[in-house]
Amino acid sequence: MARRPDGAAIKCPRNRGNSNEAGSAELERRVSGGYGRVPVSDWLAHPFTLLVAGAVLSSLVIPALTRRWQNHQKELELKTSLVAEITEVVTSLVMAVQFAEVGATSQSQEDFDTAYREWETGSAVIASKLHAYFPGTAVAHEWAGLARLTSNFYAATGMGDRKQQYLRDLLGELRSAGPALDSDAAADIAGLESLGVSAYRREWAECKAHVLARKDAIVRRVLDSRSAL
């Protein structure tokens, strides 16, 4: 055993080599065994990760959301415009027919003829739009049916002696084609008899109610259908 100059024995440190080896092994385990992995939160907070995420959002996600919102706005504008056109052309002709039926002096024959020409033009334009924007749906077909029945409702005015039978036949078709009148409209029609209104006037009023009810049904179908935009 080695001794110091004063004769005391020099003690060698024990396990110094083993301690170094243990430290190296621990370090290796930390690096290769998982202790040295960067936490996910550090990756997410890294500037490069944030830069890539921002690029994805600005180039893909935000434009896709913007296009979707713009398409929704365009579809809403299209439907709003079509609903307004349908309501205007049908209601305008029905009112013109009503003025003619009661002999309103505020409407001339020329006004009546003009109303029908505008109806024919407007209904044809609407049919084209429905075919273009709602392909594969029943909207255009339903509009064609309403346009034909509305034109027949107008034609009844000039039927002379055959007017009542013509109107009765039209009423039967309107009833079978549907939709059924709501409770308020049905009650109004039923109340006409108690007021002493003639059978012809009651049938005419019911025809008018059915035309407007069918118009409302098509308006709902347009709003509920998916367009081709």
C-alpha atoms as a PDB file:
ATOM      1  CA  MET A   1       0.000   0.000   0.000  1.00  0.00           C
ATOM      2  CA  ALA A   2       1.402   3.425  -0.862  1.00  0.00           C
ATOM      3  CA  ARG A   3       2.253   5.793   2.002  1.00  0.00           C
ATOM      4  CA  ARG A   4       2.604   9.531   2.368  1.00  0.00           C
ATOM      5  CA  PRO A   5       5.890  11.066   3.520  1.00  0.00           C
ATOM      6  CA  ASP A   6       4.586  11.115   7.102  1.00  0.00           C
ATOM      7  CA  GLY A   7       4.044   7.417   6.889  1.00  0.00           C
ATOM      8  CA  ALA A   8       0.220   7.469   6.676  1.00  0.00           C
ATOM      9  CA  ALA A   9      -1.337   5.129   4.218  1.00  0.00           C
ATOM     10  CA  ILE A  10      -2.858   6.637   1.094  1.00  0.00           C
ATOM     11  CA  LYS A  11      -6.387   5.352   0.459  1.00  0.00           C
ATOM     12  CA  CYS A  12      -7.460   5.064  -3.143  1.00  0.00           C
ATOM     13  CA  PRO A  13     -11.055   6.154  -3.994  1.00  0.00           C
ATOM     14  CA  ARG A  14     -13.320   3.208  -4.449  1.00  0.00           C
ATOM     15  CA  ASN A  15     -15.626   2.658  -7.469  1.00  0.00           C
ATOM     16  CA  ARG A  16     -14.439   5.870  -9.147  1.00  0.00           C
ATOM     17  CA  GLY A  17     -14.313   4.022 -12.442  1.00  0.00           C
ATOM     18  CA  ASN A  18     -17.712   2.426 -11.846  1.00  0.00           C
ATOM     19  CA  SER A  19     -19.227   5.845 -11.065  1.00  0.00           C
ATOM     20  CA  ASN A  20     -17.995   7.277 -14.353  1.00  0.00           C
ATOM     21  CA  GLU A  21     -19.338   4.297 -16.216  1.00  0.00           C
ATOM     22  CA  ALA A  22     -22.752   4.676 -14.504  1.00  0.00           C
ATOM     23  CA  GLY A  23     -22.900   8.363 -15.450  1.00  0.00           C
ATOM     24  CA  SER A  24     -22.136   7.588 -19.087  1.00  0.00           C
ATOM     25  CA  ALA A  25     -24.726   4.864 -19.189  1.00  0.00           C
ATOM     26  CA  GLU A  26     -27.340   7.190 -17.689  1.00  0.00           C
ATOM     27  CA  LEU A  27     -26.509   9.848 -20.225  1.00  0.00           C
ATOM     28  CA  GLU A  28     -26.800   7.336 -23.038  1.00  0.00           C
ATOM     29  CA  ARG A  29     -30.135   6.146 -21.715  1.00  0.00           C
ATOM     30  CA  ARG A  30     -31.427   9.714 -21.588  1.00  0.00           C
ATOM     31  CA  VAL A  31     -30.484  10.361 -25.185  1.00  0.00           C
ATOM     32  CA  SER A  32     -31.251   7.059 -26.859  1.00  0.00           C
ATOM     33  CA  GLY A  33     -33.919   5.698 -24.548  1.00  0.00           C
ATOM     34  CA  GLY A  34     -36.353   8.571 -24.611  1.00  0.00           C
ATOM     35  CA  TYR A  35     -35.206  10.907 -21.864  1.00  0.00           C
ATOM     36  CA  GLY A  36     -33.650  13.209 -24.453  1.00  0.00           C
ATOM     37  CA  ARG A  37     -36.755  13.512 -26.726  1.00  0.00           C
ATOM     38  CA  VAL A  38     -38.124  17.015 -27.216  1.00  0.00           C
ATOM     39  CA  PRO A  39     -41.630  17.371 -25.702  1.00  0.00           C
ATOM     40  CA  VAL A  40     -44.542  17.881 -28.096  1.00  0.00           C
ATOM     41  CA  SER A  41     -45.297  21.246 -26.535  1.00  0.00           C
ATOM     42  CA  ASP A  42     -41.782  22.389 -27.452  1.00  0.00           C
ATOM     43  CA  TRP A  43     -42.290  21.293 -31.061  1.00  0.00           C
ATOM     44  CA  LEU A  44     -45.612  23.148 -31.228  1.00  0.00           C
ATOM     45  CA  ALA A  45     -44.058  26.273 -29.790  1.00  0.00           C
ATOM     46  CA  HIS A  46     -41.080  26.179 -32.139  1.00  0.00           C
ATOM     47  CA  PRO A  47     -41.038  29.137 -34.584  1.00  0.00           C
ATOM     48  CA  PHE A  48     -40.622  26.855 -37.603  1.00  0.00           C
ATOM     49  CA  THR A  49     -43.683  24.803 -36.617  1.00  0.00           C
ATOM     50  CA  LEU A  50     -45.702  27.966 -36.158  1.00  0.00           C
ATOM     51  CA  LEU A  51     -44.509  29.211 -39.550  1.00  0.00           C
ATOM     52  CA  VAL A  52     -45.608  26.006 -41.297  1.00  0.00           C
ATOM     53  CA  ALA A  53     -48.982  26.008 -39.518  1.00  0.00           C
ATOM     54  CA  GLY A  54     -49.554  29.605 -40.496  1.00  0.00           C
ATOM     55  CA  ALA A  55     -48.720  28.847 -44.113  1.00  0.00           C
ATOM     56  CA  VAL A  56     -51.191  25.938 -44.187  1.00  0.00           C
ATOM     57  CA  LEU A  57     -53.929  28.081 -42.678  1.00  0.00           C
ATOM     58  CA  SER A  58     -53.378  30.993 -45.043  1.00  0.00           C
ATOM     59  CA  SER A  59     -52.998  28.921 -48.202  1.00  0.00           C
ATOM     60  CA  LEU A  60     -55.537  26.110 -47.688  1.00  0.00           C
ATOM     61  CA  VAL A  61     -57.913  26.390 -44.764  1.00  0.00           C
ATOM     62  CA  ILE A  62     -58.847  30.083 -44.889  1.00  0.00           C
ATOM     63  CA  PRO A  63     -59.391  30.174 -48.700  1.00  0.00           C
ATOM     64  CA  ALA A  64     -61.573  27.034 -48.469  1.00  0.00           C
ATOM     65  CA  LEU A  65     -63.702  28.569 -45.730  1.00  0.00           C
ATOM     66  CA  THR A  66     -63.930  31.824 -47.672  1.00  0.00           C
ATOM     67  CA  ARG A  67     -65.066  30.043 -50.849  1.00  0.00           C
ATOM     68  CA  ARG A  68     -67.641  28.087 -48.901  1.00  0.00           C
ATOM     69  CA  TRP A  69     -69.030  31.264 -47.347  1.00  0.00           C
ATOM     70  CA  GLN A  70     -69.081  33.045 -50.727  1.00  0.00           C
ATOM     71  CA  ASN A  71     -70.895  30.122 -52.367  1.00  0.00           C
ATOM     72  CA  HIS A  72     -73.442  30.131 -49.561  1.00  0.00           C
ATOM     73  CA  GLN A  73     -74.011  33.854 -50.065  1.00  0.00           C
ATOM     74  CA  LYS A  74     -74.422  33.429 -53.823  1.00  0.00           C
ATOM     75  CA  GLU A  75     -76.915  30.595 -53.336  1.00  0.00           C
ATOM     76  CA  LEU A  76     -78.878  32.648 -50.823  1.00  0.00           C
ATOM     77  CA  GLU A  77     -78.991  35.619 -53.215  1.00  0.00           C
ATOM     78  CA  LEU A  78     -80.100  33.361 -56.079  1.00  0.00           C
ATOM     79  CA  LYS A  79     -82.911  31.806 -54.044  1.00  0.00           C
ATOM     80  CA  THR A  80     -84.064  35.161 -52.702  1.00  0.00           C
ATOM     81  CA  SER A  81     -84.216  36.570 -56.234  1.00  0.00           C
ATOM     82  CA  LEU A  82     -86.106  33.557 -57.592  1.00  0.00           C
ATOM     83  CA  VAL A  83     -88.608  33.578 -54.743  1.00  0.00           C
ATOM     84  CA  ALA A  84     -89.293  37.270 -55.369  1.00  0.00           C
ATOM     85  CA  GLU A  85     -89.776  36.653 -59.111  1.00  0.00           C
ATOM     86  CA  ILE A  86     -92.119  33.701 -58.550  1.00  0.00           C
ATOM     87  CA  THR A  87     -94.205  35.626 -56.027  1.00  0.00           C
ATOM     88  CA  GLU A  88     -94.421  38.708 -58.229  1.00  0.00           C
ATOM     89  CA  VAL A  89     -95.439  37.042 -61.510  1.00  0.00           C
ATOM     90  CA  VAL A  90     -98.045  34.742 -59.968  1.00  0.00           C
ATOM     91  CA  THR A  91     -99.576  37.340 -57.672  1.00  0.00           C
ATOM     92  CA  SER A  92     -99.663  39.997 -60.396  1.00  0.00           C
ATOM     93  CA  LEU A  93    -101.616  37.779 -62.783  1.00  0.00           C
ATOM     94  CA  VAL A  94    -103.992  36.556 -60.079  1.00  0.00           C
ATOM     95  CA  MET A  95    -104.748  40.156 -59.099  1.00  0.00           C
ATOM     96  CA  ALA A  96    -105.317  41.107 -62.738  1.00  0.00           C
ATOM     97  CA  VAL A  97    -107.774  38.217 -63.119  1.00  0.00           C
ATOM     98  CA  GLN A  98    -109.548  39.273 -59.932  1.00  0.00           C
ATOM     99  CA  PHE A  99    -109.924  42.868 -61.172  1.00  0.00           C
ATOM    100  CA  ALA A 100    -111.356  41.550 -64.418  1.00  0.00           C
ATOM    101  CA  GLU A 101    -113.812  39.295 -62.558  1.00  0.00           C
ATOM    102  CA  VAL A 102    -115.225  42.105 -60.454  1.00  0.00           C
ATOM    103  CA  GLY A 103    -115.203  44.553 -63.350  1.00  0.00           C
ATOM    104  CA  ALA A 104    -112.823  47.020 -61.722  1.00  0.00           C
ATOM    105  CA  THR A 105    -112.758  50.262 -63.688  1.00  0.00           C
ATOM    106  CA  SER A 106    -109.161  50.879 -62.641  1.00  0.00           C
ATOM    107  CA  GLN A 107    -108.019  48.091 -65.003  1.00  0.00           C
ATOM    108  CA  SER A 108    -108.566  48.409 -68.737  1.00  0.00           C
ATOM    109  CA  GLN A 109    -108.553  45.586 -71.252  1.00  0.00           C
ATOM    110  CA  GLU A 110    -105.139  46.784 -72.344  1.00  0.00           C
ATOM    111  CA  ASP A 111    -103.901  46.507 -68.763  1.00  0.00           C
ATOM    112  CA  PHE A 112    -105.303  42.993 -68.576  1.00  0.00           C
ATOM    113  CA  ASP A 113    -103.599  41.984 -71.811  1.00  0.00           C
ATOM    114  CA  THR A 114    -100.321  43.500 -70.617  1.00  0.00           C
ATOM    115  CA  ALA A 115    -100.542  41.539 -67.363  1.00  0.00           C
ATOM    116  CA  TYR A 116    -100.894  38.297 -69.293  1.00  0.00           C
ATOM    117  CA  ARG A 117     -97.972  39.089 -71.627  1.00  0.00           C
ATOM    118  CA  GLU A 118     -95.774  39.851 -68.626  1.00  0.00           C
ATOM    119  CA  TRP A 119     -96.907  36.595 -67.023  1.00  0.00           C
ATOM    120  CA  GLU A 120     -95.993  34.542 -70.078  1.00  0.00           C
ATOM    121  CA  THR A 121     -92.560  36.170 -70.329  1.00  0.00           C
ATOM    122  CA  GLY A 122     -91.851  36.031 -66.614  1.00  0.00           C
ATOM    123  CA  SER A 123     -92.938  32.414 -66.195  1.00  0.00           C
ATOM    124  CA  ALA A 124     -90.733  31.331 -69.111  1.00  0.00           C
ATOM    125  CA  VAL A 125     -87.697  33.116 -67.617  1.00  0.00           C
ATOM    126  CA  ILE A 126     -88.314  31.477 -64.246  1.00  0.00           C
ATOM    127  CA  ALA A 127     -88.597  28.059 -65.885  1.00  0.00           C
ATOM    128  CA  SER A 128     -85.195  28.561 -67.558  1.00  0.00           C
ATOM    129  CA  LYS A 129     -83.568  29.563 -64.273  1.00  0.00           C
ATOM    130  CA  LEU A 130     -85.034  26.623 -62.399  1.00  0.00           C
ATOM    131  CA  HIS A 131     -83.775  24.191 -65.038  1.00  0.00           C
ATOM    132  CA  ALA A 132     -80.324  25.786 -64.946  1.00  0.00           C
ATOM    133  CA  TYR A 133     -79.842  26.160 -61.195  1.00  0.00           C
ATOM    134  CA  PHE A 134     -81.809  23.180 -59.865  1.00  0.00           C
ATOM    135  CA  PRO A 135     -81.071  20.290 -62.238  1.00  0.00           C
ATOM    136  CA  GLY A 136     -82.042  16.847 -61.066  1.00  0.00           C
ATOM    137  CA  THR A 137     -84.784  18.204 -58.790  1.00  0.00           C
ATOM    138  CA  ALA A 138     -88.555  18.401 -59.181  1.00  0.00           C
ATOM    139  CA  VAL A 139     -88.660  22.195 -58.823  1.00  0.00           C
ATOM    140  CA  ALA A 140     -88.788  22.971 -62.560  1.00  0.00           C
ATOM    141  CA  HIS A 141     -91.439  20.298 -63.128  1.00  0.00           C
ATOM    142  CA  GLU A 142     -93.599  21.650 -60.305  1.00  0.00           C
ATOM    143  CA  TRP A 143     -93.258  25.164 -61.677  1.00  0.00           C
ATOM    144  CA  ALA A 144     -94.377  23.989 -65.122  1.00  0.00           C
ATOM    145  CA  GLY A 145     -97.503  22.526 -63.539  1.00  0.00           C
ATOM    146  CA  LEU A 146     -98.281  25.722 -61.654  1.00  0.00           C
ATOM    147  CA  ALA A 147     -97.654  27.866 -64.756  1.00  0.00           C
ATOM    148  CA  ARG A 148    -100.130  25.799 -66.779  1.00  0.00           C
ATOM    149  CA  LEU A 149    -102.822  25.944 -64.094  1.00  0.00           C
ATOM    150  CA  THR A 150    -102.302  29.686 -63.581  1.00  0.00           C
ATOM    151  CA  SER A 151    -102.680  30.287 -67.322  1.00  0.00           C
ATOM    152  CA  ASN A 152    -105.897  28.235 -67.268  1.00  0.00           C
ATOM    153  CA  PHE A 153    -107.120  30.314 -64.332  1.00  0.00           C
ATOM    154  CA  TYR A 154    -106.604  33.406 -66.477  1.00  0.00           C
ATOM    155  CA  ALA A 155    -108.305  31.768 -69.481  1.00  0.00           C
ATOM    156  CA  ALA A 156    -111.476  31.099 -67.486  1.00  0.00           C
ATOM    157  CA  THR A 157    -112.208  34.823 -67.582  1.00  0.00           C
ATOM    158  CA  GLY A 158    -112.906  34.731 -71.313  1.00  0.00           C
ATOM    159  CA  MET A 159    -114.921  31.518 -71.456  1.00  0.00           C
ATOM    160  CA  GLY A 160    -118.322  33.214 -71.603  1.00  0.00           C
ATOM    161  CA  ASP A 161    -121.190  30.777 -71.057  1.00  0.00           C
ATOM    162  CA  ARG A 162    -118.763  27.908 -70.519  1.00  0.00           C
ATOM    163  CA  LYS A 163    -116.915  29.761 -67.757  1.00  0.00           C
ATOM    164  CA  GLN A 164    -118.523  28.018 -64.792  1.00  0.00           C
ATOM    165  CA  GLN A 165    -117.972  24.482 -66.123  1.00  0.00           C
ATOM    166  CA  TYR A 166    -114.434  25.330 -67.176  1.00  0.00           C
ATOM    167  CA  LEU A 167    -113.702  26.740 -63.735  1.00  0.00           C
ATOM    168  CA  ARG A 168    -115.228  23.706 -62.049  1.00  0.00           C
ATOM    169  CA  ASP A 169    -113.026  21.377 -64.072  1.00  0.00           C
ATOM    170  CA  LEU A 170    -109.994  23.502 -63.212  1.00  0.00           C
ATOM    171  CA  LEU A 171    -110.910  23.404 -59.528  1.00  0.00           C
ATOM    172  CA  GLY A 172    -111.089  19.607 -59.624  1.00  0.00           C
ATOM    173  CA  GLU A 173    -107.586  19.487 -61.104  1.00  0.00           C
ATOM    174  CA  LEU A 174    -106.223  21.939 -58.554  1.00  0.00           C
ATOM    175  CA  ARG A 175    -107.705  19.936 -55.691  1.00  0.00           C
ATOM    176  CA  SER A 176    -106.171  16.688 -56.926  1.00  0.00           C
ATOM    177  CA  ALA A 177    -102.799  18.259 -57.692  1.00  0.00           C
ATOM    178  CA  GLY A 178    -102.459  19.737 -54.198  1.00  0.00           C
ATOM    179  CA  PRO A 179    -101.310  20.961 -51.860  1.00  0.00           C
ATOM    180  CA  ALA A 180    -104.424  21.090 -49.694  1.00  0.00           C
ATOM    181  CA  LEU A 181    -105.515  24.489 -48.445  1.00  0.00           C
ATOM    182  CA  ASP A 182    -104.514  25.391 -44.920  1.00  0.00           C
ATOM    183  CA  SER A 183    -107.203  25.625 -42.253  1.00  0.00           C
ATOM    184  CA  ASP A 184    -107.565  29.413 -42.478  1.00  0.00           C
ATOM    185  CA  ALA A 185    -108.025  29.449 -46.257  1.00  0.00           C
ATOM    186  CA  ALA A 186    -110.459  26.533 -46.107  1.00  0.00           C
ATOM    187  CA  ALA A 187    -112.475  28.307 -43.434  1.00  0.00           C
ATOM    188  CA  ASP A 188    -112.626  31.474 -45.525  1.00  0.00           C
ATOM    189  CA  ILE A 189    -113.945  29.529 -48.521  1.00  0.00           C
ATOM    190  CA  ALA A 190    -116.527  27.721 -46.397  1.00  0.00           C
ATOM    191  CA  GLY A 191    -117.689  31.016 -44.922  1.00  0.00           C
ATOM    192  CA  LEU A 192    -118.596  32.408 -48.341  1.00  0.00           C
ATOM    193  CA  GLU A 193    -121.664  30.186 -48.577  1.00  0.00           C
ATOM    194  CA  SER A 194    -123.102  31.563 -45.344  1.00  0.00           C
ATOM    195  CA  LEU A 195    -122.683  35.029 -46.816  1.00  0.00           C
ATOM    196  CA  GLY A 196    -124.851  34.101 -49.775  1.00  0.00           C
ATOM    197  CA  VAL A 197    -122.016  34.135 -52.302  1.00  0.00           C
ATOM    198  CA  SER A 198    -122.904  32.246 -55.491  1.00  0.00           C
ATOM    199  CA  ALA A 199    -121.459  28.817 -56.254  1.00  0.00           C
ATOM    200  CA  TYR A 200    -119.461  30.259 -59.126  1.00  0.00           C
ATOM    201  CA  ARG A 201    -117.851  32.915 -56.910  1.00  0.00           C
ATOM    202  CA  ARG A 202    -117.047  30.343 -54.250  1.00  0.00           C
ATOM    203  CA  GLU A 203    -115.424  28.064 -56.809  1.00  0.00           C
ATOM    204  CA  TRP A 204    -113.505  30.990 -58.283  1.00  0.00           C
ATOM    205  CA  ALA A 205    -112.252  31.997 -54.836  1.00  0.00           C
ATOM    206  CA  GLU A 206    -111.175  28.422 -54.144  1.00  0.00           C
ATOM    207  CA  CYS A 207    -109.287  28.257 -57.458  1.00  0.00           C
ATOM    208  CA  LYS A 208    -107.462  31.434 -56.539  1.00  0.00           C
ATOM    209  CA  ALA A 209    -106.593  30.065 -53.087  1.00  0.00           C
ATOM    210  CA  HIS A 210    -105.233  26.831 -54.611  1.00  0.00           C
ATOM    211  CA  VAL A 211    -103.053  28.721 -57.113  1.00  0.00           C
ATOM    212  CA  LEU A 212    -101.533  30.834 -54.340  1.00  0.00           C
ATOM    213  CA  ALA A 213    -101.069  27.798 -52.083  1.00  0.00           C
ATOM    214  CA  ARG A 214     -99.211  25.986 -54.830  1.00  0.00           C
ATOM    215  CA  LYS A 215     -97.065  29.063 -55.399  1.00  0.00           C
ATOM    216  CA  ASP A 216     -96.141  29.036 -51.691  1.00  0.00           C
ATOM    217  CA  ALA A 217     -95.245  25.336 -51.901  1.00  0.00           C
ATOM    218  CA  ILE A 218     -92.860  25.974 -54.811  1.00  0.00           C
ATOM    219  CA  VAL A 219     -91.281  28.863 -52.921  1.00  0.00           C
ATOM    220  CA  ARG A 220     -90.565  26.500 -50.010  1.00  0.00           C
ATOM    221  CA  ARG A 221     -89.158  23.881 -52.406  1.00  0.00           C
ATOM    222  CA  VAL A 222     -86.796  26.440 -53.944  1.00  0.00           C
ATOM    223  CA  LEU A 223     -85.553  27.498 -50.514  1.00  0.00           C
ATOM    224  CA  ASP A 224     -85.036  23.889 -49.375  1.00  0.00           C
ATOM    225  CA  SER A 225     -83.382  22.585 -52.574  1.00  0.00           C
ATOM    226  CA  ARG A 226     -79.637  22.611 -53.213  1.00  0.00           C
ATOM    227  CA  SER A 227     -78.655  24.675 -56.220  1.00  0.00           C
ATOM    228  CA  ALA A 228     -75.955  23.934 -58.794  1.00  0.00           C
ATOM    229  CA  LEU A 229     -73.859  26.951 -57.778  1.00  0.00           C
END
